[in-house]
Amino acid sequence: MEKDGDEIIGTIRKIGQTQPFEDIVPRVFMTSDEGEEFHYDATLTWIRNALLRERPEPGTKIRIWRGPKKGKQVTGGVEVLSDGGLEKVKPKTAAKPAESSSDDLPPF
């Protein structure tokens, strides 16, 4: 996810975690339409936040994408796709931001 137009599309098999740097981040294990298995480490904050908002379950087909910058802000996110098509699933309500208590923070 380095440049505008980059995208990853796959069906989630499971979501784990990894620690490539100091912080623990989500590792999304996916299968492509061609049956290739791969994983994506969500090291970018905006992708982690989008995964937290969408909360995709195993078996869900998703698209992780990056669009152009608007000022200093990168546009992009995680889009939930339905049954292998590009028809969007009914959006879930957005999660509330985490409180300052460490008990409310996500596991990654």
PDB file of N, CA and C in Angstrom:
ATOM      1  N   MET A   1       0.826  -1.186   0.000  1.00  0.00           N
ATOM      2  CA  MET A   1       0.000   0.000   0.000  1.00  0.00           C
ATOM      3  C   MET A   1       0.874   1.253   0.000  1.00  0.00           C
ATOM      4  N   GLU A   2       1.721   1.321  -0.992  1.00  0.00           N
ATOM      5  CA  GLU A   2       2.654   2.427  -1.047  1.00  0.00           C
ATOM      6  C   GLU A   2       2.223   3.568  -1.956  1.00  0.00           C
ATOM      7  N   LYS A   3       1.405   3.264  -2.986  1.00  0.00           N
ATOM      8  CA  LYS A   3       1.049   4.328  -3.920  1.00  0.00           C
ATOM      9  C   LYS A   3      -0.437   4.291  -4.243  1.00  0.00           C
ATOM     10  N   ASP A   4      -0.923   5.385  -4.787  1.00  0.00           N
ATOM     11  CA  ASP A   4      -2.328   5.513  -5.160  1.00  0.00           C
ATOM     12  C   ASP A   4      -2.740   4.379  -6.092  1.00  0.00           C
ATOM     13  N   GLY A   5      -3.923   3.823  -5.832  1.00  0.00           N
ATOM     14  CA  GLY A   5      -4.441   2.757  -6.679  1.00  0.00           C
ATOM     15  C   GLY A   5      -4.073   1.363  -6.224  1.00  0.00           C
ATOM     16  N   ASP A   6      -3.178   1.222  -5.248  1.00  0.00           N
ATOM     17  CA  ASP A   6      -2.842  -0.103  -4.731  1.00  0.00           C
ATOM     18  C   ASP A   6      -4.073  -0.711  -4.068  1.00  0.00           C
ATOM     19  N   GLU A   7      -4.279  -2.013  -4.271  1.00  0.00           N
ATOM     20  CA  GLU A   7      -5.389  -2.686  -3.609  1.00  0.00           C
ATOM     21  C   GLU A   7      -5.085  -4.163  -3.446  1.00  0.00           C
ATOM     22  N   ILE A   8      -5.723  -4.750  -2.451  1.00  0.00           N
ATOM     23  CA  ILE A   8      -5.638  -6.181  -2.180  1.00  0.00           C
ATOM     24  C   ILE A   8      -7.075  -6.659  -2.050  1.00  0.00           C
ATOM     25  N   ILE A   9      -7.427  -7.735  -2.765  1.00  0.00           N
ATOM     26  CA  ILE A   9      -8.766  -8.303  -2.671  1.00  0.00           C
ATOM     27  C   ILE A   9      -8.614  -9.771  -2.302  1.00  0.00           C
ATOM     28  N   GLY A  10      -9.373 -10.210  -1.298  1.00  0.00           N
ATOM     29  CA  GLY A  10      -9.329 -11.608  -0.897  1.00  0.00           C
ATOM     30  C   GLY A  10     -10.419 -11.942   0.099  1.00  0.00           C
ATOM     31  N   THR A  11     -10.612 -13.240   0.297  1.00  0.00           N
ATOM     32  CA  THR A  11     -11.576 -13.737   1.276  1.00  0.00           C
ATOM     33  C   THR A  11     -10.818 -14.076   2.551  1.00  0.00           C
ATOM     34  N   ILE A  12     -11.278 -13.558   3.666  1.00  0.00           N
ATOM     35  CA  ILE A  12     -10.589 -13.754   4.947  1.00  0.00           C
ATOM     36  C   ILE A  12     -10.732 -15.198   5.409  1.00  0.00           C
ATOM     37  N   ARG A  13      -9.608 -15.817   5.737  1.00  0.00           N
ATOM     38  CA  ARG A  13      -9.607 -17.147   6.361  1.00  0.00           C
ATOM     39  C   ARG A  13      -9.589 -16.992   7.876  1.00  0.00           C
ATOM     40  N   LYS A  14      -8.710 -16.108   8.361  1.00  0.00           N
ATOM     41  CA  LYS A  14      -8.637 -15.820   9.800  1.00  0.00           C
ATOM     42  C   LYS A  14      -7.874 -14.533   9.998  1.00  0.00           C
ATOM     43  N   ILE A  15      -8.008 -13.965  11.191  1.00  0.00           N
ATOM     44  CA  ILE A  15      -7.268 -12.757  11.549  1.00  0.00           C
ATOM     45  C   ILE A  15      -6.468 -13.083  12.806  1.00  0.00           C
ATOM     46  N   GLY A  16      -5.176 -12.888  12.709  1.00  0.00           N
ATOM     47  CA  GLY A  16      -4.295 -13.117  13.847  1.00  0.00           C
ATOM     48  C   GLY A  16      -3.585 -11.824  14.192  1.00  0.00           C
ATOM     49  N   GLN A  17      -2.403 -11.962  14.728  1.00  0.00           N
ATOM     50  CA  GLN A  17      -1.611 -10.778  15.049  1.00  0.00           C
ATOM     51  C   GLN A  17      -0.140 -11.099  14.877  1.00  0.00           C
ATOM     52  N   THR A  18       0.644 -10.052  14.692  1.00  0.00           N
ATOM     53  CA  THR A  18       2.083 -10.181  14.548  1.00  0.00           C
ATOM     54  C   THR A  18       2.729  -8.952  15.160  1.00  0.00           C
ATOM     55  N   GLN A  19       4.027  -9.027  15.407  1.00  0.00           N
ATOM     56  CA  GLN A  19       4.742  -7.898  15.991  1.00  0.00           C
ATOM     57  C   GLN A  19       5.990  -7.628  15.152  1.00  0.00           C
ATOM     58  N   PRO A  20       5.803  -6.994  13.965  1.00  0.00           N
ATOM     59  CA  PRO A  20       6.960  -6.736  13.105  1.00  0.00           C
ATOM     60  C   PRO A  20       7.871  -5.633  13.635  1.00  0.00           C
ATOM     61  N   PHE A  21       7.314  -4.763  14.456  1.00  0.00           N
ATOM     62  CA  PHE A  21       8.084  -3.663  15.043  1.00  0.00           C
ATOM     63  C   PHE A  21       7.807  -3.682  16.539  1.00  0.00           C
ATOM     64  N   GLU A  22       7.665  -2.515  17.153  1.00  0.00           N
ATOM     65  CA  GLU A  22       7.374  -2.450  18.579  1.00  0.00           C
ATOM     66  C   GLU A  22       5.917  -2.773  18.887  1.00  0.00           C
ATOM     67  N   ASP A  23       5.008  -2.392  17.987  1.00  0.00           N
ATOM     68  CA  ASP A  23       3.580  -2.588  18.211  1.00  0.00           C
ATOM     69  C   ASP A  23       3.085  -3.904  17.623  1.00  0.00           C
ATOM     70  N   ILE A  24       2.060  -4.469  18.266  1.00  0.00           N
ATOM     71  CA  ILE A  24       1.390  -5.650  17.736  1.00  0.00           C
ATOM     72  C   ILE A  24       0.336  -5.167  16.754  1.00  0.00           C
ATOM     73  N   VAL A  25       0.289  -5.786  15.563  1.00  0.00           N
ATOM     74  CA  VAL A  25      -0.649  -5.376  14.519  1.00  0.00           C
ATOM     75  C   VAL A  25      -1.424  -6.597  14.015  1.00  0.00           C
ATOM     76  N   PRO A  26      -2.606  -6.360  13.405  1.00  0.00           N
ATOM     77  CA  PRO A  26      -3.366  -7.481  12.854  1.00  0.00           C
ATOM     78  C   PRO A  26      -2.666  -8.099  11.639  1.00  0.00           C
ATOM     79  N   ARG A  27      -2.739  -9.415  11.536  1.00  0.00           N
ATOM     80  CA  ARG A  27      -2.287 -10.143  10.345  1.00  0.00           C
ATOM     81  C   ARG A  27      -3.530 -10.818   9.781  1.00  0.00           C
ATOM     82  N   VAL A  28      -3.919 -10.416   8.566  1.00  0.00           N
ATOM     83  CA  VAL A  28      -5.127 -10.924   7.929  1.00  0.00           C
ATOM     84  C   VAL A  28      -4.718 -12.016   6.933  1.00  0.00           C
ATOM     85  N   PHE A  29      -5.163 -13.252   7.194  1.00  0.00           N
ATOM     86  CA  PHE A  29      -4.894 -14.373   6.298  1.00  0.00           C
ATOM     87  C   PHE A  29      -6.044 -14.452   5.305  1.00  0.00           C
ATOM     88  N   MET A  30      -5.720 -14.437   3.992  1.00  0.00           N
ATOM     89  CA  MET A  30      -6.750 -14.397   2.961  1.00  0.00           C
ATOM     90  C   MET A  30      -6.475 -15.412   1.856  1.00  0.00           C
ATOM     91  N   THR A  31      -7.512 -15.635   1.045  1.00  0.00           N
ATOM     92  CA  THR A  31      -7.418 -16.459  -0.154  1.00  0.00           C
ATOM     93  C   THR A  31      -7.886 -15.607  -1.323  1.00  0.00           C
ATOM     94  N   SER A  32      -7.111 -15.610  -2.411  1.00  0.00           N
ATOM     95  CA  SER A  32      -7.491 -14.847  -3.605  1.00  0.00           C
ATOM     96  C   SER A  32      -8.558 -15.613  -4.375  1.00  0.00           C
ATOM     97  N   ASP A  33      -9.150 -14.969  -5.386  1.00  0.00           N
ATOM     98  CA  ASP A  33     -10.140 -15.631  -6.244  1.00  0.00           C
ATOM     99  C   ASP A  33      -9.543 -16.825  -6.973  1.00  0.00           C
ATOM    100  N   GLU A  34      -8.234 -16.802  -7.194  1.00  0.00           N
ATOM    101  CA  GLU A  34      -7.545 -17.901  -7.874  1.00  0.00           C
ATOM    102  C   GLU A  34      -7.177 -19.028  -6.916  1.00  0.00           C
ATOM    103  N   GLY A  35      -7.461 -18.870  -5.616  1.00  0.00           N
ATOM    104  CA  GLY A  35      -7.167 -19.902  -4.620  1.00  0.00           C
ATOM    105  C   GLY A  35      -5.817 -19.760  -3.946  1.00  0.00           C
ATOM    106  N   GLU A  36      -5.076 -18.702  -4.266  1.00  0.00           N
ATOM    107  CA  GLU A  36      -3.770 -18.474  -3.652  1.00  0.00           C
ATOM    108  C   GLU A  36      -3.957 -17.962  -2.225  1.00  0.00           C
ATOM    109  N   GLU A  37      -3.245 -18.551  -1.279  1.00  0.00           N
ATOM    110  CA  GLU A  37      -3.320 -18.108   0.118  1.00  0.00           C
ATOM    111  C   GLU A  37      -2.188 -17.132   0.389  1.00  0.00           C
ATOM    112  N   PHE A  38      -2.505 -16.059   1.107  1.00  0.00           N
ATOM    113  CA  PHE A  38      -1.517 -15.040   1.436  1.00  0.00           C
ATOM    114  C   PHE A  38      -1.955 -14.340   2.717  1.00  0.00           C
ATOM    115  N   HIS A  39      -1.077 -13.488   3.252  1.00  0.00           N
ATOM    116  CA  HIS A  39      -1.460 -12.699   4.421  1.00  0.00           C
ATOM    117  C   HIS A  39      -1.038 -11.250   4.210  1.00  0.00           C
ATOM    118  N   TYR A  40      -1.700 -10.370   4.955  1.00  0.00           N
ATOM    119  CA  TYR A  40      -1.387  -8.950   4.910  1.00  0.00           C
ATOM    120  C   TYR A  40      -1.250  -8.457   6.346  1.00  0.00           C
ATOM    121  N   ASP A  41      -0.119  -7.834   6.666  1.00  0.00           N
ATOM    122  CA  ASP A  41       0.101  -7.248   7.987  1.00  0.00           C
ATOM    123  C   ASP A  41      -0.345  -5.792   7.949  1.00  0.00           C
ATOM    124  N   ALA A  42      -1.338  -5.457   8.757  1.00  0.00           N
ATOM    125  CA  ALA A  42      -1.911  -4.104   8.771  1.00  0.00           C
ATOM    126  C   ALA A  42      -1.050  -3.182   9.632  1.00  0.00           C
ATOM    127  N   THR A  43       0.120  -2.811   9.092  1.00  0.00           N
ATOM    128  CA  THR A  43       1.051  -1.954   9.836  1.00  0.00           C
ATOM    129  C   THR A  43       0.687  -0.478   9.727  1.00  0.00           C
ATOM    130  N   LEU A  44      -0.134  -0.116   8.734  1.00  0.00           N
ATOM    131  CA  LEU A  44      -0.540   1.280   8.578  1.00  0.00           C
ATOM    132  C   LEU A  44      -1.744   1.581   9.464  1.00  0.00           C
ATOM    133  N   THR A  45      -1.685   2.671  10.202  1.00  0.00           N
ATOM    134  CA  THR A  45      -2.735   3.031  11.161  1.00  0.00           C
ATOM    135  C   THR A  45      -4.096   3.138  10.511  1.00  0.00           C
ATOM    136  N   TRP A  46      -4.193   3.748   9.328  1.00  0.00           N
ATOM    137  CA  TRP A  46      -5.496   3.942   8.699  1.00  0.00           C
ATOM    138  C   TRP A  46      -6.132   2.624   8.287  1.00  0.00           C
ATOM    139  N   ILE A  47      -5.318   1.593   7.980  1.00  0.00           N
ATOM    140  CA  ILE A  47      -5.882   0.279   7.658  1.00  0.00           C
ATOM    141  C   ILE A  47      -6.328  -0.425   8.937  1.00  0.00           C
ATOM    142  N   ARG A  48      -5.537  -0.330  10.002  1.00  0.00           N
ATOM    143  CA  ARG A  48      -5.957  -0.915  11.294  1.00  0.00           C
ATOM    144  C   ARG A  48      -7.279  -0.315  11.734  1.00  0.00           C
ATOM    145  N   ASN A  49      -7.411   1.023  11.628  1.00  0.00           N
ATOM    146  CA  ASN A  49      -8.655   1.683  12.027  1.00  0.00           C
ATOM    147  C   ASN A  49      -9.830   1.227  11.171  1.00  0.00           C
ATOM    148  N   ALA A  50      -9.610   1.078   9.864  1.00  0.00           N
ATOM    149  CA  ALA A  50     -10.684   0.621   8.974  1.00  0.00           C
ATOM    150  C   ALA A  50     -11.097  -0.806   9.313  1.00  0.00           C
ATOM    151  N   LEU A  51     -10.140  -1.676   9.646  1.00  0.00           N
ATOM    152  CA  LEU A  51     -10.477  -3.044  10.053  1.00  0.00           C
ATOM    153  C   LEU A  51     -11.293  -3.045  11.346  1.00  0.00           C
ATOM    154  N   LEU A  52     -10.946  -2.158  12.273  1.00  0.00           N
ATOM    155  CA  LEU A  52     -11.709  -2.057  13.519  1.00  0.00           C
ATOM    156  C   LEU A  52     -13.132  -1.574  13.260  1.00  0.00           C
ATOM    157  N   ARG A  53     -13.302  -0.638  12.333  1.00  0.00           N
ATOM    158  CA  ARG A  53     -14.645  -0.140  12.003  1.00  0.00           C
ATOM    159  C   ARG A  53     -15.488  -1.214  11.332  1.00  0.00           C
ATOM    160  N   GLU A  54     -14.929  -1.910  10.361  1.00  0.00           N
ATOM    161  CA  GLU A  54     -15.689  -2.886   9.577  1.00  0.00           C
ATOM    162  C   GLU A  54     -15.865  -4.226  10.298  1.00  0.00           C
ATOM    163  N   ARG A  55     -14.882  -4.609  11.088  1.00  0.00           N
ATOM    164  CA  ARG A  55     -14.895  -5.885  11.819  1.00  0.00           C
ATOM    165  C   ARG A  55     -15.291  -7.071  10.927  1.00  0.00           C
ATOM    166  N   PRO A  56     -14.535  -7.297   9.832  1.00  0.00           N
ATOM    167  CA  PRO A  56     -14.871  -8.411   8.951  1.00  0.00           C
ATOM    168  C   PRO A  56     -14.628  -9.764   9.613  1.00  0.00           C
ATOM    169  N   GLU A  57     -15.484 -10.708   9.326  1.00  0.00           N
ATOM    170  CA  GLU A  57     -15.408 -12.064   9.887  1.00  0.00           C
ATOM    171  C   GLU A  57     -14.756 -13.000   8.866  1.00  0.00           C
ATOM    172  N   PRO A  58     -14.222 -14.153   9.309  1.00  0.00           N
ATOM    173  CA  PRO A  58     -13.730 -15.148   8.351  1.00  0.00           C
ATOM    174  C   PRO A  58     -14.843 -15.518   7.366  1.00  0.00           C
ATOM    175  N   GLY A  59     -14.465 -15.670   6.098  1.00  0.00           N
ATOM    176  CA  GLY A  59     -15.431 -15.957   5.045  1.00  0.00           C
ATOM    177  C   GLY A  59     -15.886 -14.711   4.308  1.00  0.00           C
ATOM    178  N   THR A  60     -15.559 -13.525   4.838  1.00  0.00           N
ATOM    179  CA  THR A  60     -15.928 -12.258   4.214  1.00  0.00           C
ATOM    180  C   THR A  60     -14.890 -11.885   3.166  1.00  0.00           C
ATOM    181  N   LYS A  61     -15.357 -11.473   2.003  1.00  0.00           N
ATOM    182  CA  LYS A  61     -14.442 -10.992   0.961  1.00  0.00           C
ATOM    183  C   LYS A  61     -14.270  -9.490   1.161  1.00  0.00           C
ATOM    184  N   ILE A  62     -12.995  -9.042   1.217  1.00  0.00           N
ATOM    185  CA  ILE A  62     -12.721  -7.628   1.449  1.00  0.00           C
ATOM    186  C   ILE A  62     -11.774  -7.077   0.382  1.00  0.00           C
ATOM    187  N   ARG A  63     -11.789  -5.773   0.298  1.00  0.00           N
ATOM    188  CA  ARG A  63     -10.857  -5.035  -0.563  1.00  0.00           C
ATOM    189  C   ARG A  63     -10.173  -4.004   0.320  1.00  0.00           C
ATOM    190  N   ILE A  64      -8.856  -4.076   0.398  1.00  0.00           N
ATOM    191  CA  ILE A  64      -8.061  -3.071   1.109  1.00  0.00           C
ATOM    192  C   ILE A  64      -7.467  -2.186   0.014  1.00  0.00           C
ATOM    193  N   TRP A  65      -7.716  -0.872   0.087  1.00  0.00           N
ATOM    194  CA  TRP A  65      -7.316   0.005  -1.004  1.00  0.00           C
ATOM    195  C   TRP A  65      -6.715   1.297  -0.505  1.00  0.00           C
ATOM    196  N   ARG A  66      -5.951   1.915  -1.404  1.00  0.00           N
ATOM    197  CA  ARG A  66      -5.364   3.221  -1.115  1.00  0.00           C
ATOM    198  C   ARG A  66      -5.679   4.156  -2.276  1.00  0.00           C
ATOM    199  N   GLY A  67      -6.181   5.336  -1.934  1.00  0.00           N
ATOM    200  CA  GLY A  67      -6.504   6.348  -2.936  1.00  0.00           C
ATOM    201  C   GLY A  67      -5.523   7.497  -2.847  1.00  0.00           C
ATOM    202  N   PRO A  68      -5.846   8.600  -3.502  1.00  0.00           N
ATOM    203  CA  PRO A  68      -4.945   9.757  -3.502  1.00  0.00           C
ATOM    204  C   PRO A  68      -4.946  10.475  -2.156  1.00  0.00           C
ATOM    205  N   LYS A  69      -3.888  11.226  -1.911  1.00  0.00           N
ATOM    206  CA  LYS A  69      -3.811  12.043  -0.700  1.00  0.00           C
ATOM    207  C   LYS A  69      -4.681  13.270  -0.853  1.00  0.00           C
ATOM    208  N   LYS A  70      -5.290  13.673   0.249  1.00  0.00           N
ATOM    209  CA  LYS A  70      -6.012  14.950   0.311  1.00  0.00           C
ATOM    210  C   LYS A  70      -5.274  15.772   1.358  1.00  0.00           C
ATOM    211  N   GLY A  71      -4.400  16.658   0.899  1.00  0.00           N
ATOM    212  CA  GLY A  71      -3.519  17.357   1.817  1.00  0.00           C
ATOM    213  C   GLY A  71      -2.490  16.365   2.324  1.00  0.00           C
ATOM    214  N   LYS A  72      -2.400  16.225   3.654  1.00  0.00           N
ATOM    215  CA  LYS A  72      -1.479  15.248   4.237  1.00  0.00           C
ATOM    216  C   LYS A  72      -2.186  13.934   4.553  1.00  0.00           C
ATOM    217  N   GLN A  73      -3.506  13.879   4.366  1.00  0.00           N
ATOM    218  CA  GLN A  73      -4.319  12.714   4.717  1.00  0.00           C
ATOM    219  C   GLN A  73      -4.402  11.727   3.553  1.00  0.00           C
ATOM    220  N   VAL A  74      -4.127  10.453   3.796  1.00  0.00           N
ATOM    221  CA  VAL A  74      -4.259   9.414   2.783  1.00  0.00           C
ATOM    222  C   VAL A  74      -5.709   8.948   2.764  1.00  0.00           C
ATOM    223  N   THR A  75      -6.296   8.828   1.580  1.00  0.00           N
ATOM    224  CA  THR A  75      -7.631   8.248   1.481  1.00  0.00           C
ATOM    225  C   THR A  75      -7.460   6.763   1.204  1.00  0.00           C
ATOM    226  N   GLY A  76      -8.358   5.982   1.721  1.00  0.00           N
ATOM    227  CA  GLY A  76      -8.290   4.539   1.533  1.00  0.00           C
ATOM    228  C   GLY A  76      -9.074   3.861   2.616  1.00  0.00           C
ATOM    229  N   GLY A  77      -9.043   2.565   2.617  1.00  0.00           N
ATOM    230  CA  GLY A  77      -9.758   1.854   3.657  1.00  0.00           C
ATOM    231  C   GLY A  77      -9.976   0.402   3.331  1.00  0.00           C
ATOM    232  N   VAL A  78     -10.938  -0.172   4.052  1.00  0.00           N
ATOM    233  CA  VAL A  78     -11.319  -1.563   3.893  1.00  0.00           C
ATOM    234  C   VAL A  78     -12.767  -1.570   3.444  1.00  0.00           C
ATOM    235  N   GLU A  79     -13.029  -2.208   2.321  1.00  0.00           N
ATOM    236  CA  GLU A  79     -14.383  -2.299   1.788  1.00  0.00           C
ATOM    237  C   GLU A  79     -14.826  -3.752   1.865  1.00  0.00           C
ATOM    238  N   VAL A  80     -16.013  -3.996   2.400  1.00  0.00           N
ATOM    239  CA  VAL A  80     -16.563  -5.342   2.478  1.00  0.00           C
ATOM    240  C   VAL A  80     -17.299  -5.627   1.179  1.00  0.00           C
ATOM    241  N   LEU A  81     -16.927  -6.727   0.518  1.00  0.00           N
ATOM    242  CA  LEU A  81     -17.547  -7.142  -0.742  1.00  0.00           C
ATOM    243  C   LEU A  81     -18.419  -8.371  -0.450  1.00  0.00           C
ATOM    244  N   SER A  82     -19.469  -8.560  -1.226  1.00  0.00           N
ATOM    245  CA  SER A  82     -20.351  -9.696  -0.968  1.00  0.00           C
ATOM    246  C   SER A  82     -20.145 -10.825  -1.959  1.00  0.00           C
ATOM    247  N   ASP A  83     -20.119 -12.031  -1.479  1.00  0.00           N
ATOM    248  CA  ASP A  83     -20.139 -13.265  -2.279  1.00  0.00           C
ATOM    249  C   ASP A  83     -19.302 -13.217  -3.548  1.00  0.00           C
ATOM    250  N   GLY A  84     -18.122 -12.663  -3.485  1.00  0.00           N
ATOM    251  CA  GLY A  84     -17.244 -12.630  -4.638  1.00  0.00           C
ATOM    252  C   GLY A  84     -17.566 -11.541  -5.640  1.00  0.00           C
ATOM    253  N   GLY A  85     -18.667 -10.805  -5.454  1.00  0.00           N
ATOM    254  CA  GLY A  85     -19.030  -9.721  -6.356  1.00  0.00           C
ATOM    255  C   GLY A  85     -18.541  -8.405  -5.798  1.00  0.00           C
ATOM    256  N   LEU A  86     -18.867  -7.342  -6.456  1.00  0.00           N
ATOM    257  CA  LEU A  86     -18.488  -6.031  -5.957  1.00  0.00           C
ATOM    258  C   LEU A  86     -19.669  -5.312  -5.332  1.00  0.00           C
ATOM    259  N   GLU A  87     -20.715  -6.042  -5.014  1.00  0.00           N
ATOM    260  CA  GLU A  87     -21.893  -5.470  -4.376  1.00  0.00           C
ATOM    261  C   GLU A  87     -21.620  -5.350  -2.881  1.00  0.00           C
ATOM    262  N   LYS A  88     -21.764  -4.175  -2.339  1.00  0.00           N
ATOM    263  CA  LYS A  88     -21.440  -3.946  -0.938  1.00  0.00           C
ATOM    264  C   LYS A  88     -22.476  -4.575  -0.020  1.00  0.00           C
ATOM    265  N   VAL A  89     -21.990  -5.109   1.090  1.00  0.00           N
ATOM    266  CA  VAL A  89     -22.849  -5.630   2.135  1.00  0.00           C
ATOM    267  C   VAL A  89     -23.360  -4.446   2.945  1.00  0.00           C
ATOM    268  N   LYS A  90     -24.538  -4.564   3.531  1.00  0.00           N
ATOM    269  CA  LYS A  90     -25.111  -3.488   4.347  1.00  0.00           C
ATOM    270  C   LYS A  90     -24.081  -3.050   5.390  1.00  0.00           C
ATOM    271  N   PRO A  91     -23.751  -1.760   5.463  1.00  0.00           N
ATOM    272  CA  PRO A  91     -22.714  -1.309   6.400  1.00  0.00           C
ATOM    273  C   PRO A  91     -23.143  -1.486   7.852  1.00  0.00           C
ATOM    274  N   LYS A  92     -22.136  -1.821   8.678  1.00  0.00           N
ATOM    275  CA  LYS A  92     -22.368  -1.936  10.120  1.00  0.00           C
ATOM    276  C   LYS A  92     -22.231  -0.554  10.739  1.00  0.00           C
ATOM    277  N   THR A  93     -22.771  -0.386  11.926  1.00  0.00           N
ATOM    278  CA  THR A  93     -22.606   0.894  12.610  1.00  0.00           C
ATOM    279  C   THR A  93     -21.155   1.024  13.058  1.00  0.00           C
ATOM    280  N   ALA A  94     -20.653   2.222  13.029  1.00  0.00           N
ATOM    281  CA  ALA A  94     -19.258   2.471  13.390  1.00  0.00           C
ATOM    282  C   ALA A  94     -19.050   2.234  14.886  1.00  0.00           C
ATOM    283  N   ALA A  95     -17.911   1.665  15.206  1.00  0.00           N
ATOM    284  CA  ALA A  95     -17.562   1.436  16.605  1.00  0.00           C
ATOM    285  C   ALA A  95     -17.183   2.763  17.255  1.00  0.00           C
ATOM    286  N   LYS A  96     -17.463   2.876  18.545  1.00  0.00           N
ATOM    287  CA  LYS A  96     -17.081   4.078  19.284  1.00  0.00           C
ATOM    288  C   LYS A  96     -15.569   4.072  19.490  1.00  0.00           C
ATOM    289  N   PRO A  97     -14.939   5.235  19.549  1.00  0.00           N
ATOM    290  CA  PRO A  97     -13.497   5.279  19.807  1.00  0.00           C
ATOM    291  C   PRO A  97     -13.173   4.680  21.176  1.00  0.00           C
ATOM    292  N   ALA A  98     -12.003   4.082  21.275  1.00  0.00           N
ATOM    293  CA  ALA A  98     -11.578   3.483  22.535  1.00  0.00           C
ATOM    294  C   ALA A  98     -11.351   4.562  23.593  1.00  0.00           C
ATOM    295  N   GLU A  99     -11.694   4.253  24.806  1.00  0.00           N
ATOM    296  CA  GLU A  99     -11.461   5.162  25.921  1.00  0.00           C
ATOM    297  C   GLU A  99      -9.978   5.087  26.279  1.00  0.00           C
ATOM    298  N   SER A 100      -9.557   5.881  27.211  1.00  0.00           N
ATOM    299  CA  SER A 100      -8.155   5.888  27.592  1.00  0.00           C
ATOM    300  C   SER A 100      -7.776   4.681  28.456  1.00  0.00           C
ATOM    301  N   SER A 101      -8.748   3.966  28.979  1.00  0.00           N
ATOM    302  CA  SER A 101      -8.473   2.789  29.794  1.00  0.00           C
ATOM    303  C   SER A 101      -7.882   1.687  28.919  1.00  0.00           C
ATOM    304  N   SER A 102      -6.830   1.019  29.372  1.00  0.00           N
ATOM    305  CA  SER A 102      -6.179  -0.019  28.579  1.00  0.00           C
ATOM    306  C   SER A 102      -7.097  -1.226  28.393  1.00  0.00           C
ATOM    307  N   ASP A 103      -8.141  -1.399  29.233  1.00  0.00           N
ATOM    308  CA  ASP A 103      -9.074  -2.515  29.081  1.00  0.00           C
ATOM    309  C   ASP A 103      -9.924  -2.377  27.822  1.00  0.00           C
ATOM    310  N   ASP A 104     -10.097  -1.158  27.318  1.00  0.00           N
ATOM    311  CA  ASP A 104     -10.953  -0.919  26.163  1.00  0.00           C
ATOM    312  C   ASP A 104     -10.189  -0.995  24.843  1.00  0.00           C
ATOM    313  N   LEU A 105      -8.877  -1.129  24.897  1.00  0.00           N
ATOM    314  CA  LEU A 105      -8.085  -1.111  23.677  1.00  0.00           C
ATOM    315  C   LEU A 105      -8.160  -2.457  22.963  1.00  0.00           C
ATOM    316  N   PRO A 106      -8.074  -2.465  21.641  1.00  0.00           N
ATOM    317  CA  PRO A 106      -8.105  -3.728  20.895  1.00  0.00           C
ATOM    318  C   PRO A 106      -6.846  -4.541  21.195  1.00  0.00           C
ATOM    319  N   PRO A 107      -6.874  -5.843  20.882  1.00  0.00           N
ATOM    320  CA  PRO A 107      -5.731  -6.708  21.209  1.00  0.00           C
ATOM    321  C   PRO A 107      -4.510  -6.489  20.339  1.00  0.00           C
ATOM    322  N   PHE A 108      -4.562  -5.555  19.391  1.00  0.00           N
ATOM    323  CA  PHE A 108      -3.387  -5.316  18.541  1.00  0.00           C
ATOM    324  C   PHE A 108      -3.039  -3.859  18.517  1.00  0.00           C
TER     325      PHE A 108
END
